Amino acid sequence: MRHHEAVWRRARERVDATPGLRWRSPTSWELSGALFTVEAEGHPSPELSRRLYDEAGLVFRPIPTLGIDGARLSPNLQAPFEELETFFRLAEG
């Protein structure tokens, strides 16, 4: 659980520090979990999903519903944070 919380906190900090990215999950770890959703403003999630797969082999679930157009990210225990960094870097551009 500590690993997931650490990844969640780093991802949350990265999103908060990046213009154009919006955190779309609970803002408290106690109410959240290992899965979280990030929205890249101006980039529809189905298109972003295809582009990130084509450019970097990243797979995530697009969520274009209920006023959210984001990506559900689910880092596992073996995935290095650098994979999330790749998502954030490509989602910015």
N, C-alpha and C. Protein backbone atom coordinates (compact mmCIF):
# COMPACT_ATOMS: atom_id res chain seq x y z
N MET A 1 0.82 -1.19 0.00
CA MET A 1 0.00 0.00 0.00
C MET A 1 0.87 1.26 0.00
N ARG A 2 1.99 1.22 0.65
CA ARG A 2 2.86 2.41 0.69
C ARG A 2 3.32 2.80 -0.71
N HIS A 3 3.61 1.81 -1.53
CA HIS A 3 4.03 2.10 -2.90
C HIS A 3 2.93 2.85 -3.64
N HIS A 4 1.71 2.35 -3.57
CA HIS A 4 0.60 2.98 -4.27
C HIS A 4 0.36 4.41 -3.77
N GLU A 5 0.44 4.59 -2.48
CA GLU A 5 0.27 5.94 -1.93
C GLU A 5 1.37 6.87 -2.41
N ALA A 6 2.60 6.39 -2.45
CA ALA A 6 3.72 7.23 -2.91
C ALA A 6 3.54 7.60 -4.38
N VAL A 7 3.13 6.66 -5.20
CA VAL A 7 2.90 6.94 -6.62
C VAL A 7 1.75 7.93 -6.76
N TRP A 8 0.67 7.73 -6.00
CA TRP A 8 -0.49 8.62 -6.03
C TRP A 8 -0.06 10.05 -5.69
N ARG A 9 0.73 10.19 -4.62
CA ARG A 9 1.17 11.54 -4.20
C ARG A 9 2.06 12.20 -5.26
N ARG A 10 2.98 11.46 -5.82
CA ARG A 10 3.85 12.03 -6.86
C ARG A 10 3.04 12.43 -8.08
N ALA A 11 2.09 11.59 -8.47
CA ALA A 11 1.25 11.91 -9.62
C ALA A 11 0.41 13.14 -9.33
N ARG A 12 -0.16 13.22 -8.16
CA ARG A 12 -0.99 14.38 -7.79
C ARG A 12 -0.15 15.66 -7.83
N GLU A 13 1.05 15.62 -7.28
CA GLU A 13 1.93 16.80 -7.30
C GLU A 13 2.27 17.19 -8.73
N ARG A 14 2.54 16.19 -9.57
CA ARG A 14 2.89 16.47 -10.97
C ARG A 14 1.73 17.13 -11.71
N VAL A 15 0.53 16.61 -11.50
CA VAL A 15 -0.65 17.19 -12.14
C VAL A 15 -0.89 18.61 -11.64
N ASP A 16 -0.82 18.81 -10.34
CA ASP A 16 -1.04 20.15 -9.77
C ASP A 16 -0.05 21.17 -10.30
N ALA A 17 1.15 20.72 -10.63
CA ALA A 17 2.21 21.64 -11.09
C ALA A 17 2.20 21.84 -12.61
N THR A 18 1.29 21.17 -13.32
CA THR A 18 1.31 21.21 -14.78
C THR A 18 0.07 21.90 -15.33
N PRO A 19 0.24 23.07 -15.94
CA PRO A 19 -0.92 23.72 -16.56
C PRO A 19 -1.52 22.81 -17.63
N GLY A 20 -2.84 22.76 -17.68
CA GLY A 20 -3.52 21.95 -18.68
C GLY A 20 -3.88 20.55 -18.22
N LEU A 21 -3.30 20.10 -17.11
CA LEU A 21 -3.68 18.81 -16.54
C LEU A 21 -4.56 19.05 -15.32
N ARG A 22 -5.60 18.25 -15.18
CA ARG A 22 -6.52 18.39 -14.05
C ARG A 22 -6.68 17.06 -13.34
N TRP A 23 -6.57 17.08 -12.02
CA TRP A 23 -6.78 15.91 -11.20
C TRP A 23 -8.28 15.70 -11.07
N ARG A 24 -8.79 14.52 -11.44
CA ARG A 24 -10.23 14.26 -11.44
C ARG A 24 -10.59 13.09 -10.53
N SER A 25 -9.82 12.91 -9.46
CA SER A 25 -10.07 11.87 -8.46
C SER A 25 -10.14 12.54 -7.10
N PRO A 26 -10.51 11.77 -6.06
CA PRO A 26 -10.50 12.37 -4.73
C PRO A 26 -9.15 13.01 -4.42
N THR A 27 -9.18 14.11 -3.71
CA THR A 27 -7.94 14.85 -3.43
C THR A 27 -7.28 14.41 -2.12
N SER A 28 -7.86 13.46 -1.45
CA SER A 28 -7.29 12.91 -0.22
C SER A 28 -7.01 11.43 -0.43
N TRP A 29 -5.81 10.98 -0.06
CA TRP A 29 -5.46 9.58 -0.21
C TRP A 29 -6.45 8.69 0.55
N GLU A 30 -6.92 9.15 1.69
CA GLU A 30 -7.83 8.35 2.49
C GLU A 30 -9.13 8.05 1.75
N LEU A 31 -9.50 8.89 0.78
CA LEU A 31 -10.72 8.69 0.00
C LEU A 31 -10.43 8.15 -1.39
N SER A 32 -9.17 7.98 -1.72
CA SER A 32 -8.77 7.59 -3.06
C SER A 32 -8.22 6.17 -3.06
N GLY A 33 -7.38 5.87 -4.03
CA GLY A 33 -6.78 4.55 -4.11
C GLY A 33 -5.74 4.51 -5.20
N ALA A 34 -5.37 3.32 -5.60
CA ALA A 34 -4.29 3.14 -6.57
C ALA A 34 -4.69 3.58 -7.97
N LEU A 35 -5.99 3.64 -8.27
CA LEU A 35 -6.46 4.12 -9.57
C LEU A 35 -6.82 5.59 -9.43
N PHE A 36 -6.48 6.37 -10.44
CA PHE A 36 -6.86 7.78 -10.41
C PHE A 36 -7.06 8.28 -11.83
N THR A 37 -7.77 9.41 -11.95
CA THR A 37 -8.11 9.94 -13.26
C THR A 37 -7.50 11.32 -13.44
N VAL A 38 -6.91 11.53 -14.61
CA VAL A 38 -6.29 12.80 -14.97
C VAL A 38 -6.89 13.25 -16.30
N GLU A 39 -7.21 14.54 -16.37
CA GLU A 39 -7.75 15.10 -17.60
C GLU A 39 -6.71 16.02 -18.24
N ALA A 40 -6.51 15.87 -19.53
CA ALA A 40 -5.62 16.75 -20.29
C ALA A 40 -6.52 17.70 -21.08
N GLU A 41 -6.64 18.93 -20.61
CA GLU A 41 -7.55 19.89 -21.22
C GLU A 41 -7.22 20.09 -22.69
N GLY A 42 -8.27 20.07 -23.51
CA GLY A 42 -8.09 20.27 -24.94
C GLY A 42 -7.71 19.02 -25.71
N HIS A 43 -7.60 17.89 -25.02
CA HIS A 43 -7.25 16.63 -25.66
C HIS A 43 -8.31 15.59 -25.32
N PRO A 44 -9.28 15.34 -26.20
CA PRO A 44 -10.30 14.33 -25.92
C PRO A 44 -9.65 12.99 -25.57
N SER A 45 -10.13 12.37 -24.51
CA SER A 45 -9.46 11.18 -24.00
C SER A 45 -9.38 10.02 -25.00
N PRO A 46 -10.39 9.76 -25.84
CA PRO A 46 -10.21 8.67 -26.81
C PRO A 46 -9.05 8.95 -27.79
N GLU A 47 -8.95 10.19 -28.24
CA GLU A 47 -7.84 10.55 -29.15
C GLU A 47 -6.51 10.50 -28.42
N LEU A 48 -6.48 10.99 -27.19
CA LEU A 48 -5.25 10.95 -26.40
C LEU A 48 -4.82 9.50 -26.18
N SER A 49 -5.77 8.64 -25.91
CA SER A 49 -5.47 7.22 -25.70
C SER A 49 -4.78 6.62 -26.93
N ARG A 50 -5.35 6.88 -28.10
CA ARG A 50 -4.75 6.35 -29.33
C ARG A 50 -3.35 6.92 -29.56
N ARG A 51 -3.20 8.24 -29.36
CA ARG A 51 -1.90 8.88 -29.60
C ARG A 51 -0.83 8.36 -28.65
N LEU A 52 -1.15 8.23 -27.37
CA LEU A 52 -0.16 7.76 -26.41
C LEU A 52 0.20 6.30 -26.64
N TYR A 53 -0.75 5.51 -27.13
CA TYR A 53 -0.42 4.13 -27.46
C TYR A 53 0.51 4.10 -28.68
N ASP A 54 0.16 4.88 -29.70
CA ASP A 54 0.98 4.90 -30.92
C ASP A 54 2.38 5.43 -30.66
N GLU A 55 2.51 6.46 -29.83
CA GLU A 55 3.81 7.11 -29.62
C GLU A 55 4.66 6.45 -28.55
N ALA A 56 4.01 5.85 -27.53
CA ALA A 56 4.81 5.34 -26.42
C ALA A 56 4.38 3.97 -25.91
N GLY A 57 3.37 3.38 -26.54
CA GLY A 57 2.91 2.07 -26.09
C GLY A 57 2.17 2.11 -24.77
N LEU A 58 1.71 3.29 -24.35
CA LEU A 58 0.98 3.42 -23.09
C LEU A 58 -0.48 3.03 -23.30
N VAL A 59 -1.01 2.28 -22.35
CA VAL A 59 -2.40 1.85 -22.41
C VAL A 59 -3.10 2.36 -21.17
N PHE A 60 -4.23 3.04 -21.36
CA PHE A 60 -5.05 3.47 -20.24
C PHE A 60 -6.49 3.54 -20.70
N ARG A 61 -7.40 3.64 -19.75
CA ARG A 61 -8.82 3.68 -20.05
C ARG A 61 -9.28 5.12 -20.20
N PRO A 62 -9.71 5.51 -21.42
CA PRO A 62 -10.28 6.84 -21.57
C PRO A 62 -11.66 6.89 -20.90
N ILE A 63 -11.96 8.01 -20.26
CA ILE A 63 -13.24 8.18 -19.58
C ILE A 63 -13.89 9.47 -20.05
N PRO A 64 -14.62 9.42 -21.17
CA PRO A 64 -15.30 10.62 -21.67
C PRO A 64 -16.78 10.63 -21.25
N THR A 65 -17.04 10.82 -19.96
CA THR A 65 -18.42 10.73 -19.47
C THR A 65 -18.62 11.57 -18.21
N LEU A 66 -19.84 11.92 -17.95
CA LEU A 66 -20.23 12.62 -16.72
C LEU A 66 -19.42 13.89 -16.47
N GLY A 67 -19.14 14.63 -17.52
CA GLY A 67 -18.41 15.88 -17.37
C GLY A 67 -16.92 15.72 -17.20
N ILE A 68 -16.43 14.51 -17.31
CA ILE A 68 -14.99 14.24 -17.20
C ILE A 68 -14.53 13.68 -18.54
N ASP A 69 -13.43 14.16 -19.02
CA ASP A 69 -12.85 13.61 -20.25
C ASP A 69 -11.40 13.30 -19.95
N GLY A 70 -11.19 12.28 -19.15
CA GLY A 70 -9.86 12.01 -18.65
C GLY A 70 -9.39 10.59 -18.91
N ALA A 71 -8.25 10.30 -18.34
CA ALA A 71 -7.61 8.99 -18.46
C ALA A 71 -7.55 8.36 -17.08
N ARG A 72 -8.06 7.13 -16.96
CA ARG A 72 -7.93 6.41 -15.70
C ARG A 72 -6.58 5.72 -15.72
N LEU A 73 -5.72 6.12 -14.82
CA LEU A 73 -4.37 5.57 -14.73
C LEU A 73 -4.33 4.55 -13.60
N SER A 74 -3.67 3.45 -13.84
CA SER A 74 -3.61 2.39 -12.84
C SER A 74 -2.21 1.80 -12.78
N PRO A 75 -1.28 2.54 -12.20
CA PRO A 75 0.09 2.03 -12.11
C PRO A 75 0.13 0.80 -11.21
N ASN A 76 0.91 -0.19 -11.60
CA ASN A 76 1.02 -1.38 -10.77
C ASN A 76 2.32 -1.35 -9.98
N LEU A 77 2.51 -2.36 -9.18
CA LEU A 77 3.68 -2.39 -8.30
C LEU A 77 5.00 -2.43 -9.07
N GLN A 78 4.98 -2.95 -10.27
CA GLN A 78 6.21 -3.11 -11.03
C GLN A 78 6.52 -1.94 -11.96
N ALA A 79 5.54 -1.06 -12.16
CA ALA A 79 5.71 0.04 -13.12
C ALA A 79 6.52 1.17 -12.47
N PRO A 80 7.58 1.58 -13.11
CA PRO A 80 8.35 2.70 -12.56
C PRO A 80 7.59 4.02 -12.78
N PHE A 81 7.87 5.00 -11.94
CA PHE A 81 7.18 6.29 -12.07
C PHE A 81 7.49 6.93 -13.42
N GLU A 82 8.60 6.58 -14.03
CA GLU A 82 8.96 7.15 -15.33
C GLU A 82 7.88 6.89 -16.38
N GLU A 83 7.16 5.75 -16.25
CA GLU A 83 6.06 5.49 -17.19
C GLU A 83 4.95 6.52 -17.03
N LEU A 84 4.65 6.89 -15.80
CA LEU A 84 3.66 7.95 -15.58
C LEU A 84 4.19 9.28 -16.10
N GLU A 85 5.48 9.53 -15.90
CA GLU A 85 6.08 10.76 -16.42
C GLU A 85 5.92 10.84 -17.94
N THR A 86 6.05 9.72 -18.61
CA THR A 86 5.84 9.69 -20.07
C THR A 86 4.42 10.10 -20.39
N PHE A 87 3.45 9.58 -19.64
CA PHE A 87 2.06 9.98 -19.86
C PHE A 87 1.92 11.49 -19.68
N PHE A 88 2.42 12.02 -18.57
CA PHE A 88 2.26 13.45 -18.30
C PHE A 88 2.92 14.30 -19.39
N ARG A 89 4.11 13.92 -19.78
CA ARG A 89 4.83 14.70 -20.81
C ARG A 89 4.07 14.70 -22.13
N LEU A 90 3.59 13.55 -22.55
CA LEU A 90 2.87 13.47 -23.83
C LEU A 90 1.48 14.11 -23.73
N ALA A 91 0.83 14.03 -22.59
CA ALA A 91 -0.49 14.63 -22.42
C ALA A 91 -0.43 16.16 -22.45
N GLU A 92 0.71 16.72 -22.07
CA GLU A 92 0.87 18.18 -22.10
C GLU A 92 0.89 18.72 -23.52
N GLY A 93 1.46 17.95 -24.45
CA GLY A 93 1.71 18.47 -25.80
C GLY A 93 0.72 18.15 -26.82
